[in-house]
Amino acid sequence: TTYYFLQAGASALEASNNALRESDSQYDYTLFTG
C-alpha cells in the first residue's frame, strides 16, 4: 500500500488547485473559504 504525505503553504495550494480547475473540466473543488 502507499502513503502520500502533503506539505504545502496555503498560497501555493490555492494557486495549484485553481490551476488544476482551469486545466481539467472534471475537477472543480475549492480548498479554502472565507
Full PDB file with SEQRES, HELIX, SHEET, SSBOND, CRYST1, ORIGX, SCALE, CONECT and MASTER records, all heavy atoms in Angstrom:
SEQRES   1 A   34  THR THR TYR TYR PHE LEU GLN ALA GLY ALA SER ALA LEU          
SEQRES   2 A   34  GLU ALA SER ASN ASN ALA LEU ARG GLU SER ASP SER GLN          
SEQRES   3 A   34  TYR ASP TYR THR LEU PHE THR GLY                              
HELIX    1 AA1 ALA A   10  SER A   23  1                                  14    
CRYST1    1.000    1.000    1.000  90.00  90.00  90.00 P 1           1          
ORIGX1      1.000000  0.000000  0.000000        0.00000                         
ORIGX2      0.000000  1.000000  0.000000        0.00000                         
ORIGX3      0.000000  0.000000  1.000000        0.00000                         
SCALE1      1.000000  0.000000  0.000000        0.00000                         
SCALE2      0.000000  1.000000  0.000000        0.00000                         
SCALE3      0.000000  0.000000  1.000000        0.00000                         
ATOM      1  N   THR A   1       0.860  -1.177   0.000  1.00  0.00           N  
ATOM      2  CA  THR A   1       0.000   0.000   0.000  1.00  0.00           C  
ATOM      3  C   THR A   1       0.898   1.230   0.000  1.00  0.00           C  
ATOM      4  O   THR A   1       2.104   1.149   0.253  1.00  0.00           O  
ATOM      5  CB  THR A   1      -0.948   0.027   1.201  1.00  0.00           C  
ATOM      6  OG1 THR A   1      -0.174   0.061   2.417  1.00  0.00           O  
ATOM      7  CG2 THR A   1      -1.873  -1.184   1.198  1.00  0.00           C  
ATOM      8  N   THR A   2       0.311   2.372  -0.283  1.00  0.00           N  
ATOM      9  CA  THR A   2       1.095   3.586  -0.484  1.00  0.00           C  
ATOM     10  C   THR A   2       0.577   4.719   0.390  1.00  0.00           C  
ATOM     11  O   THR A   2      -0.627   4.855   0.613  1.00  0.00           O  
ATOM     12  CB  THR A   2       1.024   4.020  -1.965  1.00  0.00           C  
ATOM     13  OG1 THR A   2       1.517   2.957  -2.785  1.00  0.00           O  
ATOM     14  CG2 THR A   2       1.859   5.263  -2.209  1.00  0.00           C  
ATOM     15  N   TYR A   3       1.519   5.509   0.890  1.00  0.00           N  
ATOM     16  CA  TYR A   3       1.190   6.715   1.641  1.00  0.00           C  
ATOM     17  C   TYR A   3       1.634   7.933   0.830  1.00  0.00           C  
ATOM     18  O   TYR A   3       2.720   7.934   0.245  1.00  0.00           O  
ATOM     19  CB  TYR A   3       1.901   6.730   2.999  1.00  0.00           C  
ATOM     20  CG  TYR A   3       1.356   5.737   3.992  1.00  0.00           C  
ATOM     21  CD1 TYR A   3       1.810   4.421   3.997  1.00  0.00           C  
ATOM     22  CD2 TYR A   3       0.391   6.110   4.923  1.00  0.00           C  
ATOM     23  CE1 TYR A   3       1.309   3.500   4.906  1.00  0.00           C  
ATOM     24  CE2 TYR A   3      -0.112   5.195   5.837  1.00  0.00           C  
ATOM     25  CZ  TYR A   3       0.351   3.897   5.825  1.00  0.00           C  
ATOM     26  OH  TYR A   3      -0.154   2.982   6.727  1.00  0.00           O  
ATOM     27  N   TYR A   4       0.793   8.951   0.832  1.00  0.00           N  
ATOM     28  CA  TYR A   4       1.156  10.237   0.237  1.00  0.00           C  
ATOM     29  C   TYR A   4       1.139  11.288   1.333  1.00  0.00           C  
ATOM     30  O   TYR A   4       0.138  11.448   2.033  1.00  0.00           O  
ATOM     31  CB  TYR A   4       0.185  10.613  -0.884  1.00  0.00           C  
ATOM     32  CG  TYR A   4       0.270   9.695  -2.068  1.00  0.00           C  
ATOM     33  CD1 TYR A   4      -0.721   8.747  -2.305  1.00  0.00           C  
ATOM     34  CD2 TYR A   4       1.358   9.750  -2.931  1.00  0.00           C  
ATOM     35  CE1 TYR A   4      -0.637   7.883  -3.398  1.00  0.00           C  
ATOM     36  CE2 TYR A   4       1.453   8.890  -4.021  1.00  0.00           C  
ATOM     37  CZ  TYR A   4       0.451   7.960  -4.240  1.00  0.00           C  
ATOM     38  OH  TYR A   4       0.555   7.098  -5.317  1.00  0.00           O  
ATOM     39  N   PHE A   5       2.248  11.973   1.463  1.00  0.00           N  
ATOM     40  CA  PHE A   5       2.389  12.988   2.517  1.00  0.00           C  
ATOM     41  C   PHE A   5       2.475  14.360   1.869  1.00  0.00           C  
ATOM     42  O   PHE A   5       3.413  14.652   1.118  1.00  0.00           O  
ATOM     43  CB  PHE A   5       3.639  12.706   3.350  1.00  0.00           C  
ATOM     44  CG  PHE A   5       3.797  13.616   4.538  1.00  0.00           C  
ATOM     45  CD1 PHE A   5       3.070  13.393   5.698  1.00  0.00           C  
ATOM     46  CD2 PHE A   5       4.657  14.699   4.490  1.00  0.00           C  
ATOM     47  CE1 PHE A   5       3.211  14.237   6.797  1.00  0.00           C  
ATOM     48  CE2 PHE A   5       4.807  15.552   5.578  1.00  0.00           C  
ATOM     49  CZ  PHE A   5       4.069  15.314   6.740  1.00  0.00           C  
ATOM     50  N   LEU A   6       1.488  15.192   2.153  1.00  0.00           N  
ATOM     51  CA  LEU A   6       1.435  16.547   1.620  1.00  0.00           C  
ATOM     52  C   LEU A   6       1.979  17.537   2.636  1.00  0.00           C  
ATOM     53  O   LEU A   6       1.585  17.525   3.804  1.00  0.00           O  
ATOM     54  CB  LEU A   6      -0.013  16.926   1.290  1.00  0.00           C  
ATOM     55  CG  LEU A   6      -0.288  18.408   0.995  1.00  0.00           C  
ATOM     56  CD1 LEU A   6       0.271  18.791  -0.380  1.00  0.00           C  
ATOM     57  CD2 LEU A   6      -1.783  18.711   1.074  1.00  0.00           C  
ATOM     58  N   GLN A   7       2.876  18.401   2.177  1.00  0.00           N  
ATOM     59  CA  GLN A   7       3.344  19.557   2.948  1.00  0.00           C  
ATOM     60  C   GLN A   7       3.249  20.752   2.012  1.00  0.00           C  
ATOM     61  O   GLN A   7       3.872  20.750   0.947  1.00  0.00           O  
ATOM     62  CB  GLN A   7       4.796  19.388   3.386  1.00  0.00           C  
ATOM     63  CG  GLN A   7       5.102  18.097   4.135  1.00  0.00           C  
ATOM     64  CD  GLN A   7       6.592  17.928   4.358  1.00  0.00           C  
ATOM     65  OE1 GLN A   7       7.187  18.604   5.202  1.00  0.00           O  
ATOM     66  NE2 GLN A   7       7.217  17.037   3.612  1.00  0.00           N  
ATOM     67  N   ALA A   8       2.484  21.765   2.403  1.00  0.00           N  
ATOM     68  CA  ALA A   8       2.276  22.852   1.457  1.00  0.00           C  
ATOM     69  C   ALA A   8       1.886  24.143   2.155  1.00  0.00           C  
ATOM     70  O   ALA A   8       1.233  24.126   3.202  1.00  0.00           O  
ATOM     71  CB  ALA A   8       1.189  22.468   0.448  1.00  0.00           C  
ATOM     72  N   GLY A   9       2.272  25.245   1.558  1.00  0.00           N  
ATOM     73  CA  GLY A   9       1.824  26.548   2.003  1.00  0.00           C  
ATOM     74  C   GLY A   9       0.477  26.873   1.366  1.00  0.00           C  
ATOM     75  O   GLY A   9       0.198  26.493   0.223  1.00  0.00           O  
ATOM     76  N   ALA A  10      -0.357  27.589   2.097  1.00  0.00           N  
ATOM     77  CA  ALA A  10      -1.704  27.881   1.615  1.00  0.00           C  
ATOM     78  C   ALA A  10      -1.691  28.699   0.321  1.00  0.00           C  
ATOM     79  O   ALA A  10      -2.526  28.483  -0.566  1.00  0.00           O  
ATOM     80  CB  ALA A  10      -2.490  28.615   2.695  1.00  0.00           C  
ATOM     81  N   SER A  11      -0.752  29.626   0.191  1.00  0.00           N  
ATOM     82  CA  SER A  11      -0.697  30.460  -1.013  1.00  0.00           C  
ATOM     83  C   SER A  11      -0.491  29.615  -2.264  1.00  0.00           C  
ATOM     84  O   SER A  11      -1.163  29.804  -3.287  1.00  0.00           O  
ATOM     85  CB  SER A  11       0.444  31.479  -0.900  1.00  0.00           C  
ATOM     86  OG  SER A  11       0.269  32.310   0.215  1.00  0.00           O  
ATOM     87  N   ALA A  12       0.452  28.682  -2.195  1.00  0.00           N  
ATOM     88  CA  ALA A  12       0.734  27.812  -3.336  1.00  0.00           C  
ATOM     89  C   ALA A  12      -0.376  26.789  -3.540  1.00  0.00           C  
ATOM     90  O   ALA A  12      -0.683  26.418  -4.683  1.00  0.00           O  
ATOM     91  CB  ALA A  12       2.079  27.117  -3.143  1.00  0.00           C  
ATOM     92  N   LEU A  13      -0.991  26.328  -2.453  1.00  0.00           N  
ATOM     93  CA  LEU A  13      -2.094  25.370  -2.579  1.00  0.00           C  
ATOM     94  C   LEU A  13      -3.261  25.982  -3.331  1.00  0.00           C  
ATOM     95  O   LEU A  13      -3.831  25.359  -4.234  1.00  0.00           O  
ATOM     96  CB  LEU A  13      -2.568  24.920  -1.192  1.00  0.00           C  
ATOM     97  CG  LEU A  13      -1.944  23.665  -0.597  1.00  0.00           C  
ATOM     98  CD1 LEU A  13      -2.466  23.458   0.814  1.00  0.00           C  
ATOM     99  CD2 LEU A  13      -2.230  22.442  -1.458  1.00  0.00           C  
ATOM    100  N   GLU A  14      -3.636  27.188  -2.940  1.00  0.00           N  
ATOM    101  CA  GLU A  14      -4.753  27.842  -3.630  1.00  0.00           C  
ATOM    102  C   GLU A  14      -4.434  28.000  -5.114  1.00  0.00           C  
ATOM    103  O   GLU A  14      -5.284  27.740  -5.980  1.00  0.00           O  
ATOM    104  CB  GLU A  14      -5.043  29.208  -3.013  1.00  0.00           C  
ATOM    105  CG  GLU A  14      -6.245  29.898  -3.650  1.00  0.00           C  
ATOM    106  CD  GLU A  14      -6.492  31.286  -3.088  1.00  0.00           C  
ATOM    107  OE1 GLU A  14      -5.518  32.040  -2.861  1.00  0.00           O  
ATOM    108  OE2 GLU A  14      -7.680  31.617  -2.900  1.00  0.00           O  
ATOM    109  N   ALA A  15      -3.204  28.415  -5.420  1.00  0.00           N  
ATOM    110  CA  ALA A  15      -2.803  28.607  -6.812  1.00  0.00           C  
ATOM    111  C   ALA A  15      -2.807  27.294  -7.584  1.00  0.00           C  
ATOM    112  O   ALA A  15      -3.336  27.212  -8.702  1.00  0.00           O  
ATOM    113  CB  ALA A  15      -1.420  29.240  -6.865  1.00  0.00           C  
ATOM    114  N   SER A  16      -2.227  26.261  -7.006  1.00  0.00           N  
ATOM    115  CA  SER A  16      -2.142  24.973  -7.696  1.00  0.00           C  
ATOM    116  C   SER A  16      -3.523  24.367  -7.897  1.00  0.00           C  
ATOM    117  O   SER A  16      -3.811  23.771  -8.950  1.00  0.00           O  
ATOM    118  CB  SER A  16      -1.273  24.000  -6.886  1.00  0.00           C  
ATOM    119  OG  SER A  16       0.054  24.459  -6.820  1.00  0.00           O  
ATOM    120  N   ASN A  17      -4.387  24.515  -6.907  1.00  0.00           N  
ATOM    121  CA  ASN A  17      -5.732  23.976  -7.030  1.00  0.00           C  
ATOM    122  C   ASN A  17      -6.507  24.679  -8.142  1.00  0.00           C  
ATOM    123  O   ASN A  17      -7.191  24.035  -8.949  1.00  0.00           O  
ATOM    124  CB  ASN A  17      -6.477  24.124  -5.702  1.00  0.00           C  
ATOM    125  CG  ASN A  17      -7.818  23.427  -5.717  1.00  0.00           C  
ATOM    126  OD1 ASN A  17      -7.893  22.206  -5.829  1.00  0.00           O  
ATOM    127  ND2 ASN A  17      -8.891  24.188  -5.609  1.00  0.00           N  
ATOM    128  N   ASN A  18      -6.391  25.995  -8.208  1.00  0.00           N  
ATOM    129  CA  ASN A  18      -7.104  26.722  -9.254  1.00  0.00           C  
ATOM    130  C   ASN A  18      -6.519  26.449 -10.633  1.00  0.00           C  
ATOM    131  O   ASN A  18      -7.249  26.441 -11.627  1.00  0.00           O  
ATOM    132  CB  ASN A  18      -7.112  28.212  -8.936  1.00  0.00           C  
ATOM    133  CG  ASN A  18      -8.197  28.571  -7.940  1.00  0.00           C  
ATOM    134  OD1 ASN A  18      -9.378  28.549  -8.249  1.00  0.00           O  
ATOM    135  ND2 ASN A  18      -7.797  28.874  -6.719  1.00  0.00           N  
ATOM    136  N   ALA A  19      -5.225  26.199 -10.702  1.00  0.00           N  
ATOM    137  CA  ALA A  19      -4.623  25.810 -11.982  1.00  0.00           C  
ATOM    138  C   ALA A  19      -5.171  24.469 -12.445  1.00  0.00           C  
ATOM    139  O   ALA A  19      -5.437  24.267 -13.639  1.00  0.00           O  
ATOM    140  CB  ALA A  19      -3.104  25.753 -11.846  1.00  0.00           C  
ATOM    141  N   LEU A  20      -5.374  23.528 -11.513  1.00  0.00           N  
ATOM    142  CA  LEU A  20      -5.976  22.241 -11.862  1.00  0.00           C  
ATOM    143  C   LEU A  20      -7.409  22.429 -12.348  1.00  0.00           C  
ATOM    144  O   LEU A  20      -7.842  21.784 -13.308  1.00  0.00           O  
ATOM    145  CB  LEU A  20      -5.966  21.297 -10.662  1.00  0.00           C  
ATOM    146  CG  LEU A  20      -4.663  20.577 -10.336  1.00  0.00           C  
ATOM    147  CD1 LEU A  20      -4.844  19.696  -9.091  1.00  0.00           C  
ATOM    148  CD2 LEU A  20      -4.198  19.719 -11.508  1.00  0.00           C  
ATOM    149  N   ARG A  21      -8.144  23.299 -11.686  1.00  0.00           N  
ATOM    150  CA  ARG A  21      -9.524  23.553 -12.093  1.00  0.00           C  
ATOM    151  C   ARG A  21      -9.580  24.132 -13.503  1.00  0.00           C  
ATOM    152  O   ARG A  21     -10.497  23.834 -14.278  1.00  0.00           O  
ATOM    153  CB  ARG A  21     -10.203  24.501 -11.105  1.00  0.00           C  
ATOM    154  CG  ARG A  21     -10.391  23.896  -9.718  1.00  0.00           C  
ATOM    155  CD  ARG A  21     -10.869  24.925  -8.711  1.00  0.00           C  
ATOM    156  NE  ARG A  21     -12.232  25.342  -8.976  1.00  0.00           N  
ATOM    157  CZ  ARG A  21     -12.846  26.325  -8.311  1.00  0.00           C  
ATOM    158  NH1 ARG A  21     -12.194  26.992  -7.363  1.00  0.00           N  
ATOM    159  NH2 ARG A  21     -14.087  26.645  -8.609  1.00  0.00           N  
ATOM    160  N   GLU A  22      -8.581  24.941 -13.845  1.00  0.00           N  
ATOM    161  CA  GLU A  22      -8.525  25.520 -15.181  1.00  0.00           C  
ATOM    162  C   GLU A  22      -8.196  24.475 -16.240  1.00  0.00           C  
ATOM    163  O   GLU A  22      -8.661  24.550 -17.379  1.00  0.00           O  
ATOM    164  CB  GLU A  22      -7.464  26.628 -15.230  1.00  0.00           C  
ATOM    165  CG  GLU A  22      -7.824  27.887 -14.481  1.00  0.00           C  
ATOM    166  CD  GLU A  22      -8.856  28.729 -15.219  1.00  0.00           C  
ATOM    167  OE1 GLU A  22      -8.858  28.704 -16.467  1.00  0.00           O  
ATOM    168  OE2 GLU A  22      -9.669  29.384 -14.547  1.00  0.00           O  
ATOM    169  N   SER A  23      -7.391  23.479 -15.867  1.00  0.00           N  
ATOM    170  CA  SER A  23      -6.892  22.514 -16.849  1.00  0.00           C  
ATOM    171  C   SER A  23      -7.773  21.276 -16.996  1.00  0.00           C  
ATOM    172  O   SER A  23      -7.628  20.530 -17.954  1.00  0.00           O  
ATOM    173  CB  SER A  23      -5.471  22.063 -16.471  1.00  0.00           C  
ATOM    174  OG  SER A  23      -5.487  21.322 -15.259  1.00  0.00           O  
ATOM    175  N   ASP A  24      -8.692  21.047 -16.053  1.00  0.00           N  
ATOM    176  CA  ASP A  24      -9.494  19.823 -16.070  1.00  0.00           C  
ATOM    177  C   ASP A  24     -10.943  20.159 -15.732  1.00  0.00           C  
ATOM    178  O   ASP A  24     -11.269  20.484 -14.594  1.00  0.00           O  
ATOM    179  CB  ASP A  24      -8.929  18.817 -15.063  1.00  0.00           C  
ATOM    180  CG  ASP A  24      -9.605  17.446 -15.153  1.00  0.00           C  
ATOM    181  OD1 ASP A  24     -10.701  17.365 -15.740  1.00  0.00           O  
ATOM    182  OD2 ASP A  24      -9.030  16.481 -14.638  1.00  0.00           O  
ATOM    183  N   SER A  25     -11.806  20.034 -16.715  1.00  0.00           N  
ATOM    184  CA  SER A  25     -13.207  20.401 -16.518  1.00  0.00           C  
ATOM    185  C   SER A  25     -13.931  19.463 -15.555  1.00  0.00           C  
ATOM    186  O   SER A  25     -15.011  19.786 -15.055  1.00  0.00           O  
ATOM    187  CB  SER A  25     -13.939  20.403 -17.868  1.00  0.00           C  
ATOM    188  OG  SER A  25     -13.905  19.111 -18.458  1.00  0.00           O  
ATOM    189  N   GLN A  26     -13.348  18.291 -15.290  1.00  0.00           N  
ATOM    190  CA  GLN A  26     -13.970  17.335 -14.379  1.00  0.00           C  
ATOM    191  C   GLN A  26     -13.607  17.605 -12.917  1.00  0.00           C  
ATOM    192  O   GLN A  26     -14.192  17.008 -12.013  1.00  0.00           O  
ATOM    193  CB  GLN A  26     -13.549  15.907 -14.747  1.00  0.00           C  
ATOM    194  CG  GLN A  26     -13.915  15.493 -16.168  1.00  0.00           C  
ATOM    195  CD  GLN A  26     -15.398  15.567 -16.425  1.00  0.00           C  
ATOM    196  OE1 GLN A  26     -16.197  15.053 -15.668  1.00  0.00           O  
ATOM    197  NE2 GLN A  26     -15.771  16.226 -17.520  1.00  0.00           N  
ATOM    198  N   TYR A  27     -12.647  18.467 -12.704  1.00  0.00           N  
ATOM    199  CA  TYR A  27     -12.191  18.762 -11.342  1.00  0.00           C  
ATOM    200  C   TYR A  27     -12.615  20.186 -10.987  1.00  0.00           C  
ATOM    201  O   TYR A  27     -12.208  21.149 -11.639  1.00  0.00           O  
ATOM    202  CB  TYR A  27     -10.665  18.632 -11.247  1.00  0.00           C  
ATOM    203  CG  TYR A  27     -10.120  18.977  -9.871  1.00  0.00           C  
ATOM    204  CD1 TYR A  27     -10.165  18.052  -8.840  1.00  0.00           C  
ATOM    205  CD2 TYR A  27      -9.577  20.233  -9.614  1.00  0.00           C  
ATOM    206  CE1 TYR A  27      -9.680  18.374  -7.577  1.00  0.00           C  
ATOM    207  CE2 TYR A  27      -9.095  20.561  -8.359  1.00  0.00           C  
ATOM    208  CZ  TYR A  27      -9.149  19.626  -7.348  1.00  0.00           C  
ATOM    209  OH  TYR A  27      -8.677  19.951  -6.094  1.00  0.00           O  
ATOM    210  N   ASP A  28     -13.414  20.326  -9.938  1.00  0.00           N  
ATOM    211  CA  ASP A  28     -13.922  21.652  -9.599  1.00  0.00           C  
ATOM    212  C   ASP A  28     -14.141  21.781  -8.092  1.00  0.00           C  
ATOM    213  O   ASP A  28     -15.263  22.004  -7.623  1.00  0.00           O  
ATOM    214  CB  ASP A  28     -15.229  21.926 -10.351  1.00  0.00           C  
ATOM    215  CG  ASP A  28     -15.652  23.385 -10.246  1.00  0.00           C  
ATOM    216  OD1 ASP A  28     -14.772  24.250 -10.054  1.00  0.00           O  
ATOM    217  OD2 ASP A  28     -16.868  23.655 -10.336  1.00  0.00           O  
ATOM    218  N   TYR A  29     -13.049  21.619  -7.342  1.00  0.00           N  
ATOM    219  CA  TYR A  29     -13.139  21.679  -5.885  1.00  0.00           C  
ATOM    220  C   TYR A  29     -12.409  22.913  -5.362  1.00  0.00           C  
ATOM    221  O   TYR A  29     -11.422  23.367  -5.944  1.00  0.00           O  
ATOM    222  CB  TYR A  29     -12.548  20.417  -5.253  1.00  0.00           C  
ATOM    223  CG  TYR A  29     -13.337  19.178  -5.600  1.00  0.00           C  
ATOM    224  CD1 TYR A  29     -12.966  18.358  -6.666  1.00  0.00           C  
ATOM    225  CD2 TYR A  29     -14.477  18.829  -4.876  1.00  0.00           C  
ATOM    226  CE1 TYR A  29     -13.691  17.230  -6.998  1.00  0.00           C  
ATOM    227  CE2 TYR A  29     -15.216  17.706  -5.201  1.00  0.00           C  
ATOM    228  CZ  TYR A  29     -14.812  16.907  -6.266  1.00  0.00           C  
ATOM    229  OH  TYR A  29     -15.552  15.803  -6.589  1.00  0.00           O  
ATOM    230  N   THR A  30     -12.900  23.425  -4.254  1.00  0.00           N  
ATOM    231  CA  THR A  30     -12.309  24.572  -3.580  1.00  0.00           C  
ATOM    232  C   THR A  30     -11.676  24.109  -2.276  1.00  0.00           C  
ATOM    233  O   THR A  30     -12.261  23.279  -1.564  1.00  0.00           O  
ATOM    234  CB  THR A  30     -13.384  25.641  -3.294  1.00  0.00           C  
ATOM    235  OG1 THR A  30     -13.953  26.055  -4.534  1.00  0.00           O  
ATOM    236  CG2 THR A  30     -12.782  26.845  -2.590  1.00  0.00           C  
ATOM    237  N   LEU A  31     -10.498  24.633  -1.951  1.00  0.00           N  
ATOM    238  CA  LEU A  31      -9.789  24.197  -0.747  1.00  0.00           C  
ATOM    239  C   LEU A  31     -10.026  25.089   0.454  1.00  0.00           C  
ATOM    240  O   LEU A  31      -9.884  24.648   1.596  1.00  0.00           O  
ATOM    241  CB  LEU A  31      -8.281  24.129  -1.024  1.00  0.00           C  
ATOM    242  CG  LEU A  31      -7.821  23.200  -2.146  1.00  0.00           C  
ATOM    243  CD1 LEU A  31      -6.298  23.184  -2.220  1.00  0.00           C  
ATOM    244  CD2 LEU A  31      -8.364  21.797  -1.960  1.00  0.00           C  
ATOM    245  N   PHE A  32     -10.368  26.355   0.200  1.00  0.00           N  
ATOM    246  CA  PHE A  32     -10.497  27.319   1.291  1.00  0.00           C  
ATOM    247  C   PHE A  32     -11.775  28.140   1.126  1.00  0.00           C  
ATOM    248  O   PHE A  32     -12.234  28.387   0.013  1.00  0.00           O  
ATOM    249  CB  PHE A  32      -9.302  28.282   1.313  1.00  0.00           C  
ATOM    250  CG  PHE A  32      -7.971  27.612   1.374  1.00  0.00           C  
ATOM    251  CD1 PHE A  32      -7.203  27.446   0.226  1.00  0.00           C  
ATOM    252  CD2 PHE A  32      -7.453  27.138   2.578  1.00  0.00           C  
ATOM    253  CE1 PHE A  32      -5.963  26.823   0.269  1.00  0.00           C  
ATOM    254  CE2 PHE A  32      -6.221  26.514   2.637  1.00  0.00           C  
ATOM    255  CZ  PHE A  32      -5.477  26.365   1.483  1.00  0.00           C  
ATOM    256  N   THR A  33     -12.328  28.553   2.258  1.00  0.00           N  
ATOM    257  CA  THR A  33     -13.428  29.514   2.251  1.00  0.00           C  
ATOM    258  C   THR A  33     -13.099  30.629   3.239  1.00  0.00           C  
ATOM    259  O   THR A  33     -12.284  30.452   4.140  1.00  0.00           O  
ATOM    260  CB  THR A  33     -14.758  28.862   2.670  1.00  0.00           C  
ATOM    261  OG1 THR A  33     -14.634  28.332   4.002  1.00  0.00           O  
ATOM    262  CG2 THR A  33     -15.146  27.760   1.713  1.00  0.00           C  
ATOM    263  N   GLY A  34     -13.756  31.773   3.076  1.00  0.00           N  
ATOM    264  CA  GLY A  34     -13.533  32.883   3.988  1.00  0.00           C  
ATOM    265  C   GLY A  34     -12.537  33.865   3.427  1.00  0.00           C  
ATOM    266  O   GLY A  34     -12.199  33.850   2.237  1.00  0.00           O  
TER     267      GLY A  34                                                      
MASTER        0    0    0    1    0    0    0    6  266    1    0    3          
END                                                                             
